[in-house]
Amino acid sequence: MSVFGQLADIRIVMHREPMDRFNALGMIMLVLVGGCDLRPQPMLSKSEAQVCLGKGGRQSRAPFGAPICQIPYADAGKACMGKADCLGDCLSDAPDNWLAIPVGMPVSGRCEVESSTFGCYAKVENGKLAEAYRCVD
């Protein structure tokens, strides 16, 4: 039977009873999801994990799955004027109009929460935007 013939059969089945339609949709989803890669993701090596834990960190994953060590900062979220005020960086979260804010513009900053920051932000120095906003995944 051709692929078109199989699709036509599925279409006919889907116009039957609601439960039959549900079963047909379930089978289609099973076929589509069956191609997903379910292999275990890499983790930090045993020695890297020990070093991470020794620094008070925890194993985590970057947004695309790479293993990382996240070390929380004690001054997380504290208001700051620049890096000298923080254990990590002094950051400004990107506001809605972030493309219109030039480097050198006065902004409020907050101390970085963890050693690896993801999302949209810019570094703050001397109470001013030290660089253009960027988004990190």
C-alpha atoms as a PDB file:
ATOM      1  CA  MET A   1       0.000   0.000   0.000  1.00  0.00           C
ATOM      2  CA  SER A   2       1.363   3.465  -0.851  1.00  0.00           C
ATOM      3  CA  VAL A   3       2.011   6.159   1.742  1.00  0.00           C
ATOM      4  CA  PHE A   4      -0.955   8.085   0.371  1.00  0.00           C
ATOM      5  CA  GLY A   5      -3.170   5.061   0.845  1.00  0.00           C
ATOM      6  CA  GLN A   6      -2.014   4.743   4.471  1.00  0.00           C
ATOM      7  CA  LEU A   7      -2.744   8.412   5.130  1.00  0.00           C
ATOM      8  CA  ALA A   8      -6.184   8.011   3.574  1.00  0.00           C
ATOM      9  CA  ASP A   9      -6.860   5.063   5.907  1.00  0.00           C
ATOM     10  CA  ILE A  10      -5.820   7.192   8.901  1.00  0.00           C
ATOM     11  CA  ARG A  11      -8.139   9.982   7.716  1.00  0.00           C
ATOM     12  CA  ILE A  12     -11.043   7.551   7.478  1.00  0.00           C
ATOM     13  CA  VAL A  13     -10.331   6.144  10.934  1.00  0.00           C
ATOM     14  CA  MET A  14     -10.201   9.642  12.402  1.00  0.00           C
ATOM     15  CA  HIS A  15     -13.768  10.336  11.205  1.00  0.00           C
ATOM     16  CA  ARG A  16     -15.171   7.413  13.201  1.00  0.00           C
ATOM     17  CA  GLU A  17     -15.884   7.372  16.907  1.00  0.00           C
ATOM     18  CA  PRO A  18     -14.064   9.846  19.204  1.00  0.00           C
ATOM     19  CA  MET A  19     -12.174   7.008  20.936  1.00  0.00           C
ATOM     20  CA  ASP A  20     -11.011   5.630  17.582  1.00  0.00           C
ATOM     21  CA  ARG A  21      -9.847   9.126  16.644  1.00  0.00           C
ATOM     22  CA  PHE A  22      -7.933   9.360  19.935  1.00  0.00           C
ATOM     23  CA  ASN A  23      -6.257   5.988  19.296  1.00  0.00           C
ATOM     24  CA  ALA A  24      -5.301   6.986  15.750  1.00  0.00           C
ATOM     25  CA  LEU A  25      -3.797  10.272  16.958  1.00  0.00           C
ATOM     26  CA  GLY A  26      -1.921   8.367  19.660  1.00  0.00           C
ATOM     27  CA  MET A  27      -0.402   6.054  17.072  1.00  0.00           C
ATOM     28  CA  ILE A  28       0.652   9.004  14.910  1.00  0.00           C
ATOM     29  CA  MET A  29       2.309  10.673  17.920  1.00  0.00           C
ATOM     30  CA  LEU A  30       4.052   7.422  18.840  1.00  0.00           C
ATOM     31  CA  VAL A  31       5.554   7.207  15.355  1.00  0.00           C
ATOM     32  CA  LEU A  32       6.662  10.854  15.427  1.00  0.00           C
ATOM     33  CA  VAL A  33       8.110  10.751  18.942  1.00  0.00           C
ATOM     34  CA  GLY A  34       9.776   7.404  18.322  1.00  0.00           C
ATOM     35  CA  GLY A  35      12.552   9.223  16.453  1.00  0.00           C
ATOM     36  CA  CYS A  36      13.610  11.290  19.494  1.00  0.00           C
ATOM     37  CA  ASP A  37      17.058  10.757  20.966  1.00  0.00           C
ATOM     38  CA  LEU A  38      16.572   9.391  24.480  1.00  0.00           C
ATOM     39  CA  ARG A  39      20.228   8.591  25.210  1.00  0.00           C
ATOM     40  CA  PRO A  40      21.510   9.725  28.617  1.00  0.00           C
ATOM     41  CA  GLN A  41      23.019  13.212  28.591  1.00  0.00           C
ATOM     42  CA  PRO A  42      26.663  13.662  29.663  1.00  0.00           C
ATOM     43  CA  MET A  43      27.334  14.737  33.238  1.00  0.00           C
ATOM     44  CA  LEU A  44      30.352  16.291  34.922  1.00  0.00           C
ATOM     45  CA  SER A  45      33.166  13.809  35.492  1.00  0.00           C
ATOM     46  CA  LYS A  46      33.482  12.431  39.016  1.00  0.00           C
ATOM     47  CA  SER A  47      36.471  14.695  39.784  1.00  0.00           C
ATOM     48  CA  GLU A  48      34.719  17.758  38.288  1.00  0.00           C
ATOM     49  CA  ALA A  49      31.629  17.016  40.366  1.00  0.00           C
ATOM     50  CA  GLN A  50      33.739  16.747  43.544  1.00  0.00           C
ATOM     51  CA  VAL A  51      35.447  20.078  42.822  1.00  0.00           C
ATOM     52  CA  CYS A  52      32.054  21.632  42.108  1.00  0.00           C
ATOM     53  CA  LEU A  53      30.556  20.366  45.368  1.00  0.00           C
ATOM     54  CA  GLY A  54      33.692  21.456  47.230  1.00  0.00           C
ATOM     55  CA  LYS A  55      33.093  25.025  46.050  1.00  0.00           C
ATOM     56  CA  GLY A  56      29.492  24.877  47.292  1.00  0.00           C
ATOM     57  CA  GLY A  57      28.122  24.363  43.797  1.00  0.00           C
ATOM     58  CA  ARG A  58      25.735  21.919  42.213  1.00  0.00           C
ATOM     59  CA  GLN A  59      25.646  20.040  38.941  1.00  0.00           C
ATOM     60  CA  SER A  60      23.315  21.570  36.420  1.00  0.00           C
ATOM     61  CA  ARG A  61      22.788  21.894  32.685  1.00  0.00           C
ATOM     62  CA  ALA A  62      23.106  24.828  30.352  1.00  0.00           C
ATOM     63  CA  PRO A  63      19.961  25.489  28.269  1.00  0.00           C
ATOM     64  CA  PHE A  64      21.175  23.208  25.443  1.00  0.00           C
ATOM     65  CA  GLY A  65      22.096  20.379  27.828  1.00  0.00           C
ATOM     66  CA  ALA A  66      25.837  20.825  28.378  1.00  0.00           C
ATOM     67  CA  PRO A  67      26.848  19.866  31.940  1.00  0.00           C
ATOM     68  CA  ILE A  68      27.965  22.792  34.120  1.00  0.00           C
ATOM     69  CA  CYS A  69      28.780  23.554  37.745  1.00  0.00           C
ATOM     70  CA  GLN A  70      26.537  26.294  39.150  1.00  0.00           C
ATOM     71  CA  ILE A  71      28.029  28.074  42.148  1.00  0.00           C
ATOM     72  CA  PRO A  72      25.575  30.349  43.974  1.00  0.00           C
ATOM     73  CA  TYR A  73      26.778  33.758  45.184  1.00  0.00           C
ATOM     74  CA  ALA A  74      26.017  34.882  48.753  1.00  0.00           C
ATOM     75  CA  ASP A  75      25.229  38.435  47.590  1.00  0.00           C
ATOM     76  CA  ALA A  76      22.810  37.316  44.845  1.00  0.00           C
ATOM     77  CA  GLY A  77      20.292  40.009  43.932  1.00  0.00           C
ATOM     78  CA  LYS A  78      21.933  42.778  46.006  1.00  0.00           C
ATOM     79  CA  ALA A  79      21.783  46.241  44.427  1.00  0.00           C
ATOM     80  CA  CYS A  80      25.140  47.194  42.894  1.00  0.00           C
ATOM     81  CA  MET A  81      26.942  49.889  40.927  1.00  0.00           C
ATOM     82  CA  GLY A  82      29.648  47.635  39.443  1.00  0.00           C
ATOM     83  CA  LYS A  83      31.614  44.378  39.729  1.00  0.00           C
ATOM     84  CA  ALA A  84      33.492  45.610  42.820  1.00  0.00           C
ATOM     85  CA  ASP A  85      30.186  45.423  44.724  1.00  0.00           C
ATOM     86  CA  CYS A  86      29.587  41.736  43.897  1.00  0.00           C
ATOM     87  CA  LEU A  87      31.147  38.289  44.157  1.00  0.00           C
ATOM     88  CA  GLY A  88      30.078  37.709  40.542  1.00  0.00           C
ATOM     89  CA  ASP A  89      29.179  40.399  38.006  1.00  0.00           C
ATOM     90  CA  CYS A  90      26.875  43.372  38.470  1.00  0.00           C
ATOM     91  CA  LEU A  91      24.121  42.874  35.900  1.00  0.00           C
ATOM     92  CA  SER A  92      21.141  44.735  34.515  1.00  0.00           C
ATOM     93  CA  ASP A  93      18.235  42.582  33.319  1.00  0.00           C
ATOM     94  CA  ALA A  94      17.147  43.513  29.819  1.00  0.00           C
ATOM     95  CA  PRO A  95      14.014  45.693  29.939  1.00  0.00           C
ATOM     96  CA  ASP A  96      11.371  45.582  27.206  1.00  0.00           C
ATOM     97  CA  ASN A  97      13.047  48.472  25.338  1.00  0.00           C
ATOM     98  CA  TRP A  98      16.602  47.091  25.708  1.00  0.00           C
ATOM     99  CA  LEU A  99      17.540  47.777  22.070  1.00  0.00           C
ATOM    100  CA  ALA A 100      16.985  51.513  22.640  1.00  0.00           C
ATOM    101  CA  ILE A 101      19.292  51.782  25.679  1.00  0.00           C
ATOM    102  CA  PRO A 102      22.799  52.920  24.691  1.00  0.00           C
ATOM    103  CA  VAL A 103      26.019  51.827  26.393  1.00  0.00           C
ATOM    104  CA  GLY A 104      26.952  54.422  29.042  1.00  0.00           C
ATOM    105  CA  MET A 105      23.340  55.073  30.074  1.00  0.00           C
ATOM    106  CA  PRO A 106      22.711  55.053  33.865  1.00  0.00           C
ATOM    107  CA  VAL A 107      21.002  51.784  34.896  1.00  0.00           C
ATOM    108  CA  SER A 108      20.352  49.910  38.132  1.00  0.00           C
ATOM    109  CA  GLY A 109      22.256  46.696  38.695  1.00  0.00           C
ATOM    110  CA  ARG A 110      21.856  43.530  40.754  1.00  0.00           C
ATOM    111  CA  CYS A 111      24.561  41.080  41.765  1.00  0.00           C
ATOM    112  CA  GLU A 112      24.654  37.907  39.682  1.00  0.00           C
ATOM    113  CA  VAL A 113      22.840  34.944  41.255  1.00  0.00           C
ATOM    114  CA  GLU A 114      25.103  32.091  40.104  1.00  0.00           C
ATOM    115  CA  SER A 115      28.409  31.564  38.318  1.00  0.00           C
ATOM    116  CA  SER A 116      26.725  30.927  34.954  1.00  0.00           C
ATOM    117  CA  THR A 117      23.986  33.356  33.994  1.00  0.00           C
ATOM    118  CA  PHE A 118      21.542  32.687  31.181  1.00  0.00           C
ATOM    119  CA  GLY A 119      18.929  34.981  29.716  1.00  0.00           C
ATOM    120  CA  CYS A 120      19.115  38.602  28.545  1.00  0.00           C
ATOM    121  CA  TYR A 121      21.299  41.019  30.498  1.00  0.00           C
ATOM    122  CA  ALA A 122      24.230  43.463  30.365  1.00  0.00           C
ATOM    123  CA  LYS A 123      27.137  44.220  32.716  1.00  0.00           C
ATOM    124  CA  VAL A 124      27.019  47.359  34.835  1.00  0.00           C
ATOM    125  CA  GLU A 125      30.047  49.458  35.870  1.00  0.00           C
ATOM    126  CA  ASN A 126      29.959  52.769  37.758  1.00  0.00           C
ATOM    127  CA  GLY A 127      26.149  52.647  37.674  1.00  0.00           C
ATOM    128  CA  LYS A 128      26.132  52.716  33.874  1.00  0.00           C
ATOM    129  CA  LEU A 129      25.598  50.156  31.144  1.00  0.00           C
ATOM    130  CA  ALA A 130      29.119  48.847  30.430  1.00  0.00           C
ATOM    131  CA  GLU A 131      28.139  46.843  27.328  1.00  0.00           C
ATOM    132  CA  ALA A 132      25.182  46.255  25.051  1.00  0.00           C
ATOM    133  CA  TYR A 133      22.482  43.903  26.278  1.00  0.00           C
ATOM    134  CA  ARG A 134      22.910  40.308  25.127  1.00  0.00           C
ATOM    135  CA  CYS A 135      20.973  37.077  25.399  1.00  0.00           C
ATOM    136  CA  VAL A 136      22.813  33.936  26.456  1.00  0.00           C
ATOM    137  CA  ASP A 137      21.336  30.445  26.083  1.00  0.00           C
END
